[in-house]
Amino acid sequence: MQPRKVRVILASESPQARYFLRAIVEGEGGAVIVGQAENATKALTLTRNLRPDVAIIDGYLPHTVGLD
């Protein structure tokens, strides 16, 4: 039986940052990207629906208010 891969969501306004992070995460071999978001609203929706093990989130995503 193969070990379960870590499910990861990436969230950054920058497509280049998401591409870079995707390459790093998938290069490790023990993880798989299950979703990507360009704003906080989409990141929250993906997180609620996909239930990832890990979320890598840019601290300055658009569509956030305070400590949302």
Protein backbone atom coordinates (compact mmCIF):
# COMPACT_ATOMS: atom_id res chain seq x y z
CA MET A 1 0.00 0.00 0.00
CA GLN A 2 1.39 3.39 -1.02
CA PRO A 3 1.53 6.19 1.57
CA ARG A 4 -1.15 8.84 1.20
CA LYS A 5 0.03 12.08 -0.39
CA VAL A 6 -0.40 15.35 1.49
CA ARG A 7 -3.17 17.42 -0.13
CA VAL A 8 -2.19 21.09 -0.56
CA ILE A 9 -3.99 24.30 -1.57
CA LEU A 10 -2.00 27.31 -2.80
CA ALA A 11 -3.33 30.86 -2.50
CA SER A 12 -1.55 33.89 -3.92
CA GLU A 13 -2.58 36.83 -6.06
CA SER A 14 0.52 36.28 -8.20
CA PRO A 15 0.33 33.53 -10.85
CA GLN A 16 4.14 33.42 -10.86
CA ALA A 17 4.23 32.76 -7.10
CA ARG A 18 1.63 29.99 -7.43
CA TYR A 19 3.65 28.42 -10.27
CA PHE A 20 6.86 28.60 -8.22
CA LEU A 21 5.23 27.14 -5.10
CA ARG A 22 3.56 24.39 -7.14
CA ALA A 23 6.94 23.34 -8.56
CA ILE A 24 8.45 23.19 -5.06
CA VAL A 25 5.57 21.27 -3.49
CA GLU A 26 5.21 18.74 -6.31
CA GLY A 27 8.99 18.35 -6.52
CA GLU A 28 9.00 16.87 -3.03
CA GLY A 29 6.97 13.88 -4.23
CA GLY A 30 4.93 13.44 -1.05
CA ALA A 31 2.36 16.10 -1.86
CA VAL A 32 -0.21 16.95 -4.50
CA ILE A 33 -1.78 20.33 -5.27
CA VAL A 34 -5.57 19.98 -5.08
CA GLY A 35 -6.47 23.63 -5.65
CA GLN A 36 -5.20 27.13 -6.32
CA ALA A 37 -6.77 30.50 -5.53
CA GLU A 38 -6.00 34.08 -6.51
CA ASN A 39 -8.01 35.73 -3.72
CA ALA A 40 -9.19 35.07 -0.17
CA THR A 41 -12.80 34.35 -1.13
CA LYS A 42 -11.80 31.57 -3.50
CA ALA A 43 -9.21 30.23 -1.03
CA LEU A 44 -11.86 29.89 1.69
CA THR A 45 -14.29 28.19 -0.70
CA LEU A 46 -11.64 25.72 -1.89
CA THR A 47 -10.57 24.98 1.68
CA ARG A 48 -14.13 24.29 2.82
CA ASN A 49 -14.91 22.09 -0.18
CA LEU A 50 -11.62 20.21 -0.66
CA ARG A 51 -10.47 19.88 2.98
CA PRO A 52 -6.71 19.97 2.26
CA ASP A 53 -4.10 18.83 4.73
CA VAL A 54 -2.06 22.01 4.18
CA ALA A 55 -2.83 25.50 2.84
CA ILE A 56 0.00 27.77 1.71
CA ILE A 57 -1.49 31.25 1.77
CA ASP A 58 -0.12 34.67 0.85
CA GLY A 59 -0.69 36.98 3.83
CA TYR A 60 -1.89 39.83 1.59
CA LEU A 61 -4.59 38.23 -0.54
CA PRO A 62 -7.24 40.49 -2.13
CA HIS A 63 -10.81 40.41 -0.74
CA THR A 64 -9.85 40.15 2.94
CA VAL A 65 -10.88 42.38 5.81
CA GLY A 66 -8.77 42.47 8.95
CA LEU A 67 -7.92 39.02 10.28
CA ASP A 68 -10.42 37.10 8.13
